[in-house]
């Protein structure tokens, strides 16, 4: 998925600042234009991941023309960042993992104590660690 970004050109003493017109509160920066775009891709993926974790919708992307003609971004660089579709995909996949028996025993005990299946517990813990 592609999202337009507006990049405030940096100066000799300030970084390039990046905002996402379609992702409220999502922003990034970089000392160079390349670093700013790279950081923007990471920021968008993190913002979308947090939104999905919270049960929110994935916003539609504006057209480049809409951002380019927005007076708020006059003089800014307009670009597009790519967010991997995998970052937005909640399709369930079956997988095979290998764990030492003692670790599996602990995992199953913790899952039972939490009232969850092994798979649900692994997913729950992964999302919890990502929030920390």
N, C-alpha and C. Protein backbone atom coordinates (compact mmCIF):
# COMPACT_ATOMS: atom_id res chain seq x y z
N UNK A 1 0.85 -1.17 0.00
CA UNK A 1 0.00 0.00 0.00
C UNK A 1 0.90 1.23 0.00
N UNK A 2 0.51 2.24 -0.74
CA UNK A 2 1.29 3.47 -0.84
C UNK A 2 0.56 4.62 -0.14
N UNK A 3 1.30 5.34 0.70
CA UNK A 3 0.76 6.52 1.38
C UNK A 3 1.57 7.75 0.98
N UNK A 4 0.87 8.83 0.64
CA UNK A 4 1.60 10.07 0.35
C UNK A 4 2.13 10.67 1.64
N UNK A 5 3.27 11.33 1.53
CA UNK A 5 3.86 12.04 2.66
C UNK A 5 4.23 13.44 2.21
N UNK A 6 4.23 14.34 3.18
CA UNK A 6 4.71 15.70 2.95
C UNK A 6 5.99 15.84 3.76
N UNK A 7 7.05 16.29 3.09
CA UNK A 7 8.36 16.38 3.73
C UNK A 7 8.77 17.85 3.79
N UNK A 8 8.93 18.33 5.01
CA UNK A 8 9.40 19.69 5.23
C UNK A 8 10.91 19.68 5.02
N UNK A 9 11.39 20.40 4.00
CA UNK A 9 12.84 20.35 3.73
C UNK A 9 13.64 20.81 4.93
N UNK A 10 14.67 20.08 5.20
CA UNK A 10 15.55 20.44 6.30
C UNK A 10 16.42 21.63 5.94
N UNK A 11 17.13 22.09 6.92
CA UNK A 11 18.11 23.16 6.72
C UNK A 11 19.46 22.64 7.20
N UNK A 12 20.42 23.53 7.25
CA UNK A 12 21.73 23.13 7.75
C UNK A 12 21.69 22.71 9.21
N UNK A 13 20.65 23.17 9.93
CA UNK A 13 20.57 22.88 11.37
C UNK A 13 19.35 22.06 11.77
N UNK A 14 18.46 21.76 10.82
CA UNK A 14 17.28 20.96 11.15
C UNK A 14 17.13 19.80 10.19
N UNK A 15 16.48 18.75 10.66
CA UNK A 15 16.26 17.55 9.85
C UNK A 15 15.09 17.75 8.90
N UNK A 16 14.97 16.82 7.96
CA UNK A 16 13.79 16.76 7.11
C UNK A 16 12.66 16.18 7.96
N UNK A 17 11.55 16.89 8.06
CA UNK A 17 10.41 16.40 8.82
C UNK A 17 9.36 15.81 7.90
N UNK A 18 8.80 14.66 8.27
CA UNK A 18 7.83 13.96 7.43
C UNK A 18 6.51 13.82 8.17
N UNK A 19 5.41 14.18 7.50
CA UNK A 19 4.08 13.96 8.06
C UNK A 19 3.25 13.16 7.07
N UNK A 20 2.27 12.45 7.61
CA UNK A 20 1.35 11.64 6.82
C UNK A 20 -0.04 12.28 6.88
N UNK A 21 -0.50 12.88 5.81
CA UNK A 21 -1.83 13.49 5.85
C UNK A 21 -2.95 12.51 6.20
N UNK A 22 -2.75 11.22 5.91
CA UNK A 22 -3.81 10.23 6.13
C UNK A 22 -3.68 9.45 7.44
N UNK A 23 -2.57 9.62 8.15
CA UNK A 23 -2.33 8.87 9.38
C UNK A 23 -2.13 9.86 10.53
N UNK A 24 -3.20 10.27 11.18
CA UNK A 24 -3.11 11.31 12.21
C UNK A 24 -2.08 10.99 13.29
N UNK A 25 -1.19 11.94 13.52
CA UNK A 25 -0.18 11.77 14.56
C UNK A 25 1.04 10.99 14.12
N UNK A 26 1.06 10.51 12.90
CA UNK A 26 2.21 9.74 12.41
C UNK A 26 3.18 10.72 11.75
N UNK A 27 4.42 10.67 12.21
CA UNK A 27 5.44 11.55 11.66
C UNK A 27 6.81 10.90 11.83
N UNK A 28 7.79 11.44 11.15
CA UNK A 28 9.16 10.96 11.29
C UNK A 28 10.10 12.06 10.80
N UNK A 29 11.37 11.77 10.80
CA UNK A 29 12.36 12.74 10.35
C UNK A 29 13.64 12.02 9.95
N UNK A 30 14.51 12.73 9.29
CA UNK A 30 15.81 12.19 8.93
C UNK A 30 16.76 13.31 8.58
N UNK A 31 18.03 13.09 8.81
CA UNK A 31 19.03 14.11 8.51
C UNK A 31 19.20 14.33 7.01
N UNK A 32 18.91 13.29 6.22
CA UNK A 32 18.94 13.42 4.76
C UNK A 32 17.55 13.05 4.24
N UNK A 33 17.30 13.39 3.00
CA UNK A 33 16.01 13.04 2.39
C UNK A 33 15.83 11.53 2.36
N UNK A 34 16.88 10.80 2.01
CA UNK A 34 16.80 9.34 1.98
C UNK A 34 16.48 8.77 3.37
N UNK A 35 17.15 9.29 4.40
CA UNK A 35 16.88 8.83 5.77
C UNK A 35 15.46 9.17 6.19
N UNK A 36 14.97 10.33 5.77
CA UNK A 36 13.62 10.74 6.13
C UNK A 36 12.58 9.80 5.53
N UNK A 37 12.77 9.43 4.27
CA UNK A 37 11.82 8.51 3.61
C UNK A 37 11.90 7.13 4.24
N UNK A 38 13.11 6.66 4.53
CA UNK A 38 13.27 5.35 5.17
C UNK A 38 12.59 5.34 6.55
N UNK A 39 12.80 6.39 7.33
CA UNK A 39 12.16 6.49 8.64
C UNK A 39 10.64 6.58 8.51
N UNK A 40 10.18 7.22 7.45
CA UNK A 40 8.75 7.34 7.23
C UNK A 40 8.11 5.98 6.98
N UNK A 41 8.78 5.13 6.23
CA UNK A 41 8.25 3.79 5.98
C UNK A 41 8.10 3.02 7.29
N UNK A 42 9.10 3.12 8.15
CA UNK A 42 9.04 2.45 9.46
C UNK A 42 7.93 3.04 10.33
N UNK A 43 7.79 4.36 10.31
CA UNK A 43 6.76 5.02 11.12
C UNK A 43 5.37 4.61 10.66
N UNK A 44 5.16 4.56 9.36
CA UNK A 44 3.84 4.17 8.83
C UNK A 44 3.49 2.74 9.22
N UNK A 45 4.46 1.84 9.09
CA UNK A 45 4.21 0.44 9.45
C UNK A 45 3.87 0.32 10.93
N UNK A 46 4.59 1.04 11.78
CA UNK A 46 4.33 0.99 13.22
C UNK A 46 2.97 1.60 13.55
N UNK A 47 2.62 2.71 12.91
CA UNK A 47 1.34 3.37 13.15
C UNK A 47 0.19 2.44 12.74
N UNK A 48 0.30 1.84 11.57
CA UNK A 48 -0.75 0.95 11.10
C UNK A 48 -0.87 -0.30 11.98
N UNK A 49 0.26 -0.84 12.41
CA UNK A 49 0.25 -2.01 13.28
C UNK A 49 -0.45 -1.69 14.60
N UNK A 50 -0.13 -0.54 15.19
CA UNK A 50 -0.77 -0.14 16.45
C UNK A 50 -2.26 0.11 16.25
N UNK A 51 -2.63 0.68 15.13
CA UNK A 51 -4.05 0.93 14.85
C UNK A 51 -4.81 -0.37 14.72
N UNK A 52 -4.23 -1.34 14.00
CA UNK A 52 -4.88 -2.64 13.85
C UNK A 52 -4.98 -3.36 15.20
N UNK A 53 -3.91 -3.28 16.01
CA UNK A 53 -3.94 -3.91 17.34
C UNK A 53 -5.05 -3.33 18.20
N UNK A 54 -5.32 -2.04 18.02
CA UNK A 54 -6.37 -1.37 18.81
C UNK A 54 -7.75 -1.56 18.20
N UNK A 55 -7.83 -2.27 17.07
CA UNK A 55 -9.12 -2.52 16.44
C UNK A 55 -9.59 -1.39 15.55
N UNK A 56 -8.70 -0.46 15.23
CA UNK A 56 -9.07 0.67 14.38
C UNK A 56 -8.99 0.32 12.91
N UNK A 57 -9.59 1.17 12.08
CA UNK A 57 -9.57 0.93 10.64
C UNK A 57 -8.28 1.44 10.00
N UNK A 58 -7.93 0.85 8.87
CA UNK A 58 -6.79 1.30 8.08
C UNK A 58 -7.31 2.41 7.16
N UNK A 59 -6.79 3.63 7.34
CA UNK A 59 -7.27 4.74 6.51
C UNK A 59 -6.91 4.57 5.04
N UNK A 60 -7.77 5.05 4.18
CA UNK A 60 -7.48 5.06 2.75
C UNK A 60 -6.41 6.12 2.49
N UNK A 61 -5.64 5.91 1.46
CA UNK A 61 -4.59 6.86 1.10
C UNK A 61 -5.16 7.95 0.20
N UNK A 62 -4.76 9.17 0.46
CA UNK A 62 -5.14 10.30 -0.40
C UNK A 62 -4.38 10.21 -1.72
N UNK A 63 -4.85 10.92 -2.69
CA UNK A 63 -4.11 11.00 -3.95
C UNK A 63 -2.93 11.95 -3.77
N UNK A 64 -1.91 11.75 -4.56
CA UNK A 64 -0.77 12.66 -4.53
C UNK A 64 -1.21 14.07 -4.88
N UNK A 65 -2.12 14.18 -5.81
CA UNK A 65 -2.59 15.50 -6.24
C UNK A 65 -3.27 16.24 -5.09
N UNK A 66 -4.04 15.52 -4.29
CA UNK A 66 -4.72 16.16 -3.15
C UNK A 66 -3.71 16.71 -2.15
N UNK A 67 -2.65 15.98 -1.92
CA UNK A 67 -1.62 16.44 -0.98
C UNK A 67 -0.81 17.57 -1.60
N UNK A 68 -0.46 17.42 -2.88
CA UNK A 68 0.34 18.44 -3.56
C UNK A 68 -0.36 19.79 -3.60
N UNK A 69 -1.67 19.79 -3.75
CA UNK A 69 -2.42 21.05 -3.87
C UNK A 69 -2.94 21.57 -2.53
N UNK A 70 -2.66 20.86 -1.44
CA UNK A 70 -3.07 21.31 -0.11
C UNK A 70 -2.18 22.48 0.30
N UNK A 71 -2.76 23.67 0.54
CA UNK A 71 -1.94 24.84 0.88
C UNK A 71 -1.09 24.64 2.14
N UNK A 72 -1.51 23.75 3.01
CA UNK A 72 -0.75 23.46 4.23
C UNK A 72 0.65 22.96 3.90
N UNK A 73 0.81 22.33 2.74
CA UNK A 73 2.09 21.74 2.37
C UNK A 73 2.80 22.50 1.25
N UNK A 74 2.46 23.76 1.07
CA UNK A 74 3.12 24.57 0.05
C UNK A 74 4.62 24.66 0.36
N UNK A 75 5.44 24.38 -0.62
CA UNK A 75 6.88 24.42 -0.45
C UNK A 75 7.48 23.14 0.10
N UNK A 76 6.65 22.18 0.42
CA UNK A 76 7.13 20.90 0.94
C UNK A 76 7.38 19.94 -0.22
N UNK A 77 8.17 18.92 0.03
CA UNK A 77 8.39 17.85 -0.93
C UNK A 77 7.28 16.83 -0.74
N UNK A 78 6.64 16.42 -1.82
CA UNK A 78 5.58 15.42 -1.75
C UNK A 78 6.15 14.11 -2.31
N UNK A 79 5.97 13.04 -1.57
CA UNK A 79 6.50 11.74 -1.97
C UNK A 79 5.51 10.66 -1.57
N UNK A 80 5.86 9.44 -1.85
CA UNK A 80 5.05 8.28 -1.50
C UNK A 80 5.93 7.28 -0.77
N UNK A 81 5.40 6.70 0.30
CA UNK A 81 6.11 5.62 0.98
C UNK A 81 5.28 4.35 0.83
N UNK A 82 5.98 3.25 0.76
CA UNK A 82 5.34 1.96 0.59
C UNK A 82 5.26 1.24 1.93
N UNK A 83 4.08 0.72 2.24
CA UNK A 83 3.89 -0.12 3.41
C UNK A 83 3.59 -1.52 2.89
N UNK A 84 4.38 -2.48 3.31
CA UNK A 84 4.20 -3.85 2.85
C UNK A 84 2.79 -4.34 3.18
N UNK A 85 2.13 -4.97 2.24
CA UNK A 85 0.80 -5.53 2.52
C UNK A 85 0.83 -6.53 3.68
N UNK A 86 1.98 -7.17 3.90
CA UNK A 86 2.08 -8.12 5.02
C UNK A 86 1.84 -7.44 6.35
N UNK A 87 2.17 -6.15 6.45
CA UNK A 87 1.98 -5.41 7.70
C UNK A 87 0.49 -5.23 8.02
N UNK A 88 -0.37 -5.41 7.03
CA UNK A 88 -1.80 -5.21 7.22
C UNK A 88 -2.60 -6.51 7.16
N UNK A 89 -1.92 -7.61 7.03
CA UNK A 89 -2.59 -8.90 6.79
C UNK A 89 -2.77 -9.68 8.08
N UNK A 90 -4.02 -9.89 8.47
CA UNK A 90 -4.33 -10.68 9.66
C UNK A 90 -4.77 -12.10 9.32
N UNK A 91 -4.42 -12.57 8.13
CA UNK A 91 -4.75 -13.93 7.73
C UNK A 91 -4.05 -14.91 8.68
N UNK A 92 -4.79 -15.88 9.17
CA UNK A 92 -4.23 -16.88 10.06
C UNK A 92 -3.42 -17.89 9.24
N UNK A 93 -2.25 -18.21 9.73
CA UNK A 93 -1.40 -19.19 9.07
C UNK A 93 -1.06 -20.31 10.04
N UNK A 94 -1.05 -21.50 9.52
CA UNK A 94 -0.63 -22.65 10.31
C UNK A 94 0.87 -22.79 10.15
N UNK A 95 1.56 -23.03 11.25
CA UNK A 95 3.00 -23.19 11.17
C UNK A 95 3.47 -24.25 12.13
N UNK A 96 4.67 -24.69 11.90
CA UNK A 96 5.29 -25.69 12.74
C UNK A 96 6.50 -25.05 13.38
N UNK A 97 6.56 -25.07 14.71
CA UNK A 97 7.72 -24.52 15.40
C UNK A 97 8.38 -25.62 16.22
N UNK A 98 9.63 -25.42 16.50
CA UNK A 98 10.39 -26.38 17.29
C UNK A 98 10.84 -25.70 18.57
N UNK A 99 10.50 -26.31 19.71
CA UNK A 99 10.88 -25.79 21.02
C UNK A 99 11.38 -26.93 21.88
N UNK A 100 12.29 -26.65 22.78
CA UNK A 100 12.66 -27.69 23.75
C UNK A 100 11.42 -28.07 24.58
N UNK A 101 11.32 -29.33 24.94
CA UNK A 101 10.16 -29.84 25.68
C UNK A 101 9.92 -29.03 26.96
N UNK A 102 11.00 -28.67 27.68
CA UNK A 102 10.82 -27.93 28.92
C UNK A 102 10.21 -26.55 28.67
N UNK A 103 10.56 -25.93 27.54
CA UNK A 103 9.99 -24.63 27.19
C UNK A 103 8.53 -24.80 26.80
N UNK A 104 8.23 -25.84 26.05
CA UNK A 104 6.85 -26.12 25.65
C UNK A 104 5.97 -26.39 26.88
N UNK A 105 6.51 -27.09 27.86
CA UNK A 105 5.77 -27.37 29.09
C UNK A 105 5.41 -26.06 29.80
N UNK A 106 6.39 -25.16 29.89
CA UNK A 106 6.12 -23.85 30.51
C UNK A 106 5.10 -23.05 29.71
N UNK A 107 5.26 -23.06 28.39
CA UNK A 107 4.35 -22.34 27.52
C UNK A 107 2.92 -22.82 27.71
N UNK A 108 2.73 -24.12 27.70
CA UNK A 108 1.38 -24.68 27.86
C UNK A 108 0.81 -24.35 29.24
N UNK A 109 1.64 -24.39 30.27
CA UNK A 109 1.16 -24.05 31.62
C UNK A 109 0.73 -22.59 31.69
N UNK A 110 1.52 -21.71 31.09
CA UNK A 110 1.18 -20.28 31.10
C UNK A 110 -0.08 -20.02 30.27
N UNK A 111 -0.23 -20.71 29.17
CA UNK A 111 -1.43 -20.55 28.34
C UNK A 111 -2.66 -21.01 29.10
N UNK A 112 -2.56 -22.17 29.76
CA UNK A 112 -3.70 -22.67 30.55
C UNK A 112 -4.07 -21.68 31.66
N UNK A 113 -3.05 -21.15 32.35
CA UNK A 113 -3.29 -20.20 33.43
C UNK A 113 -3.96 -18.93 32.92
N UNK A 114 -3.67 -18.57 31.69
CA UNK A 114 -4.27 -17.37 31.08
C UNK A 114 -5.62 -17.68 30.45
N UNK A 115 -6.00 -18.97 30.42
CA UNK A 115 -7.27 -19.36 29.81
C UNK A 115 -7.25 -19.26 28.30
N UNK A 116 -6.06 -19.46 27.71
CA UNK A 116 -5.92 -19.35 26.26
C UNK A 116 -5.32 -20.61 25.68
N UNK A 117 -5.51 -20.78 24.39
CA UNK A 117 -4.83 -21.88 23.69
C UNK A 117 -3.36 -21.50 23.53
N UNK A 118 -2.55 -22.47 23.17
CA UNK A 118 -1.13 -22.21 22.93
C UNK A 118 -0.95 -21.12 21.87
N UNK A 119 -1.66 -21.25 20.76
CA UNK A 119 -1.54 -20.28 19.68
C UNK A 119 -1.99 -18.89 20.11
N UNK A 120 -3.12 -18.83 20.79
CA UNK A 120 -3.63 -17.53 21.25
C UNK A 120 -2.67 -16.89 22.23
N UNK A 121 -2.07 -17.70 23.09
CA UNK A 121 -1.14 -17.18 24.09
C UNK A 121 0.12 -16.63 23.42
N UNK A 122 0.65 -17.34 22.44
CA UNK A 122 1.83 -16.86 21.72
C UNK A 122 1.51 -15.54 21.03
N UNK A 123 0.36 -15.46 20.37
CA UNK A 123 -0.03 -14.22 19.69
C UNK A 123 -0.19 -13.08 20.70
N UNK A 124 -0.87 -13.37 21.80
CA UNK A 124 -1.11 -12.36 22.85
C UNK A 124 0.22 -11.84 23.39
N UNK A 125 1.14 -12.72 23.72
CA UNK A 125 2.42 -12.32 24.28
C UNK A 125 3.25 -11.55 23.26
N UNK A 126 3.20 -11.92 22.01
CA UNK A 126 3.94 -11.22 20.98
C UNK A 126 3.44 -9.78 20.86
N UNK A 127 2.13 -9.60 20.86
CA UNK A 127 1.57 -8.26 20.77
C UNK A 127 1.87 -7.44 22.02
N UNK A 128 1.89 -8.07 23.18
CA UNK A 128 2.22 -7.37 24.43
C UNK A 128 3.66 -6.89 24.42
N UNK A 129 4.57 -7.74 23.99
CA UNK A 129 5.98 -7.37 23.95
C UNK A 129 6.20 -6.23 22.97
N UNK A 130 5.46 -6.25 21.86
CA UNK A 130 5.59 -5.19 20.84
C UNK A 130 5.17 -3.84 21.39
N UNK A 131 4.28 -3.80 22.35
CA UNK A 131 3.79 -2.54 22.93
C UNK A 131 4.76 -1.94 23.94
N UNK A 132 5.65 -2.77 24.46
CA UNK A 132 6.56 -2.30 25.51
C UNK A 132 7.66 -1.44 24.95
